[in-house]
Amino acid sequence: MIKRALYPGTFDPITNGHFDIIQRATNLFDELVVAVAASHEKKPMFTLDERIEMAQKATQKLDRVSVVGFDNLTIDLSHTLNTTILIRGLRAVSDFEYELQLGYLNRSLDDAIETVYLMPNLQHAFISSSIVRNLLKFNGKTDHLLPKEVQEIIGGMNSCTLH
């Protein structure tokens, strides 16, 4: 039986921390689906299509990883993809309470759902998409925070569209 896991998130943009979690998850599961959420309420800097493209380019060399976009409940997507395993990243204690509540919520919606929490390598523990977005707004250096492929996509964008 193939073990497929789902790694949902906004990925606005996908960072080296996300990529580290993706690599770790591929060591644990047969297939990994990176699910990019539309997240209209978060008002992302990048469009859903741009974020999907970034995730696809960042993971293109990884076997058994696919990328999808979604605009519904994570649980509904997990049913569509026939998976009961959700991957979530934990960087710091501040993430834990929110992620724990989200895990309990998902489990309350479907008691077959298991949430697996993974921590990035320490060198990536401080990286968040919001930090990267703030740097991008002020033309700050981000190449050490993003996968090379993502940095290239962002570098090719008009700086006016990033604000």
Protein backbone atom coordinates (compact mmCIF):
# COMPACT_ATOMS: atom_id res chain seq x y z
CA MET A 1 0.00 0.00 0.00
CA ILE A 2 1.36 3.39 -1.01
CA LYS A 3 1.64 5.95 1.77
CA ARG A 4 0.75 9.35 0.37
CA ALA A 5 1.02 12.49 2.49
CA LEU A 6 -0.36 15.96 1.92
CA TYR A 7 1.63 19.08 2.81
CA PRO A 8 -0.82 22.00 2.68
CA GLY A 9 0.12 25.64 3.02
CA THR A 10 -0.05 29.07 1.49
CA PHE A 11 3.62 28.98 0.42
CA ASP A 12 3.71 32.75 -0.19
CA PRO A 13 6.47 32.16 -1.30
CA ILE A 14 7.86 28.68 -0.73
CA THR A 15 11.05 29.00 1.35
CA ASN A 16 14.09 26.88 2.15
CA GLY A 17 12.29 25.93 5.37
CA HIS A 18 9.34 24.56 3.39
CA PHE A 19 11.72 22.79 1.03
CA ASP A 20 13.51 21.20 3.98
CA ILE A 21 10.19 19.85 5.29
CA ILE A 22 9.36 18.55 1.80
CA GLN A 23 12.69 16.70 1.59
CA ARG A 24 12.19 15.19 5.06
CA ALA A 25 8.66 14.08 4.19
CA THR A 26 9.88 12.32 1.03
CA ASN A 27 12.10 10.19 3.25
CA LEU A 28 9.05 9.10 5.26
CA PHE A 29 6.35 8.63 2.63
CA ASP A 30 6.05 7.05 -0.81
CA GLU A 31 4.38 10.12 -2.32
CA LEU A 32 4.04 13.72 -1.20
CA VAL A 33 1.53 16.21 -2.53
CA VAL A 34 2.42 19.84 -1.88
CA ALA A 35 -0.94 21.61 -1.77
CA VAL A 36 -0.86 25.36 -2.35
CA ALA A 37 -3.87 27.04 -0.76
CA ALA A 38 -5.58 29.99 -2.40
CA SER A 39 -5.86 31.62 1.07
CA HIS A 40 -7.85 34.66 -0.03
CA GLU A 41 -8.19 35.80 3.60
CA LYS A 42 -4.40 36.10 3.93
CA LYS A 43 -4.17 38.34 0.86
CA PRO A 44 -1.03 36.68 -0.53
CA MET A 45 1.68 38.70 -2.25
CA PHE A 46 1.83 36.18 -5.09
CA THR A 47 -1.09 34.78 -7.08
CA LEU A 48 -2.09 31.16 -6.66
CA ASP A 49 -0.68 30.36 -10.10
CA GLU A 50 2.64 32.03 -9.24
CA ARG A 51 2.87 30.12 -5.95
CA ILE A 52 2.07 26.83 -7.69
CA GLU A 53 4.76 27.54 -10.29
CA MET A 54 7.29 28.35 -7.54
CA ALA A 55 6.51 25.12 -5.70
CA GLN A 56 6.70 23.09 -8.91
CA LYS A 57 10.05 24.58 -9.89
CA ALA A 58 11.47 24.18 -6.37
CA THR A 59 10.48 20.49 -6.23
CA GLN A 60 11.01 19.49 -9.85
CA LYS A 61 14.10 17.40 -9.07
CA LEU A 62 12.43 15.48 -6.26
CA ASP A 63 10.92 12.13 -7.15
CA ARG A 64 7.46 11.31 -5.86
CA VAL A 65 6.50 14.96 -5.22
CA SER A 66 3.60 16.65 -6.97
CA VAL A 67 2.08 20.10 -6.55
CA VAL A 68 -1.60 21.08 -6.66
CA GLY A 69 -3.52 24.24 -5.93
CA PHE A 70 -6.70 24.21 -3.89
CA ASP A 71 -9.47 26.49 -2.68
CA ASN A 72 -11.42 24.34 -0.26
CA LEU A 73 -10.96 22.66 3.11
CA THR A 74 -7.76 20.67 3.53
CA ILE A 75 -9.87 17.72 4.67
CA ASP A 76 -11.88 17.84 1.44
CA LEU A 77 -8.66 17.87 -0.57
CA SER A 78 -7.32 14.94 1.45
CA HIS A 79 -10.48 12.98 0.59
CA THR A 80 -10.10 13.86 -3.10
CA LEU A 81 -6.47 12.71 -3.05
CA ASN A 82 -7.24 9.65 -0.94
CA THR A 83 -4.76 10.47 1.80
CA THR A 84 -5.13 10.56 5.57
CA ILE A 85 -1.72 11.98 6.42
CA LEU A 86 -1.13 15.72 6.73
CA ILE A 87 2.35 17.20 7.07
CA ARG A 88 2.83 20.39 9.08
CA GLY A 89 6.03 22.23 9.88
CA LEU A 90 6.99 23.48 13.32
CA ARG A 91 9.70 26.13 13.54
CA ALA A 92 9.28 27.38 17.09
CA VAL A 93 7.11 27.12 20.17
CA SER A 94 5.00 29.97 18.76
CA ASP A 95 3.90 27.67 15.89
CA PHE A 96 2.96 24.83 18.19
CA GLU A 97 -0.31 26.13 19.65
CA TYR A 98 -1.78 27.09 16.27
CA GLU A 99 -0.65 23.85 14.63
CA LEU A 100 -1.97 21.76 17.52
CA GLN A 101 -5.39 23.43 17.25
CA LEU A 102 -5.41 22.92 13.48
CA GLY A 103 -4.47 19.27 13.93
CA TYR A 104 -7.29 18.74 16.43
CA LEU A 105 -9.73 20.55 14.14
CA ASN A 106 -8.81 18.35 11.17
CA ARG A 107 -9.09 15.25 13.31
CA SER A 108 -12.54 16.38 14.51
CA LEU A 109 -13.64 16.63 10.87
CA ASP A 110 -12.26 13.19 9.99
CA ASP A 111 -10.98 10.88 12.72
CA ALA A 112 -8.89 8.97 10.16
CA ILE A 113 -6.65 12.02 9.63
CA GLU A 114 -3.18 11.90 11.13
CA THR A 115 -1.05 15.02 11.33
CA VAL A 116 2.70 14.55 11.27
CA TYR A 117 4.73 17.51 12.54
CA LEU A 118 8.21 17.98 11.16
CA MET A 119 10.84 20.48 12.21
CA PRO A 120 13.16 22.03 9.65
CA ASN A 121 16.91 21.93 10.12
CA LEU A 122 18.04 24.52 12.64
CA GLN A 123 19.58 26.67 9.88
CA HIS A 124 16.07 27.15 8.42
CA ALA A 125 14.11 27.43 11.67
CA PHE A 126 13.89 31.23 11.57
CA ILE A 127 12.65 31.45 7.98
CA SER A 128 9.01 32.31 7.35
CA SER A 129 7.20 33.45 4.25
CA SER A 130 6.17 36.65 6.05
CA ILE A 131 9.84 37.50 6.73
CA VAL A 132 10.65 36.92 3.07
CA ARG A 133 7.70 39.07 1.92
CA ASN A 134 8.86 41.91 4.17
CA LEU A 135 12.36 41.71 2.72
CA LEU A 136 10.98 41.65 -0.81
CA LYS A 137 8.93 44.80 -0.17
CA PHE A 138 12.15 46.65 0.61
CA ASN A 139 14.31 44.92 -2.01
CA GLY A 140 16.18 43.05 0.73
CA LYS A 141 18.43 40.07 0.14
CA THR A 142 16.45 36.78 0.03
CA ASP A 143 18.60 34.38 -1.96
CA HIS A 144 19.75 32.59 1.23
CA LEU A 145 16.10 32.07 2.29
CA LEU A 146 14.60 30.75 -0.93
CA PRO A 147 15.24 27.82 -3.25
CA LYS A 148 17.30 28.99 -6.23
CA GLU A 149 14.43 28.33 -8.64
CA VAL A 150 12.06 30.49 -6.58
CA GLN A 151 14.60 33.30 -6.32
CA GLU A 152 14.94 33.24 -10.11
CA ILE A 153 11.17 33.51 -10.61
CA ILE A 154 10.88 36.38 -8.15
CA GLY A 155 13.94 38.09 -9.61
CA GLY A 156 12.28 38.02 -13.03
CA MET A 157 9.16 39.76 -11.76
CA ASN A 158 8.62 43.47 -11.98
CA SER A 159 9.49 44.97 -8.58
CA CYS A 160 6.29 47.05 -8.71
CA THR A 161 4.20 43.86 -8.61
CA LEU A 162 5.87 42.79 -5.37
CA HIS A 163 4.53 45.68 -3.32
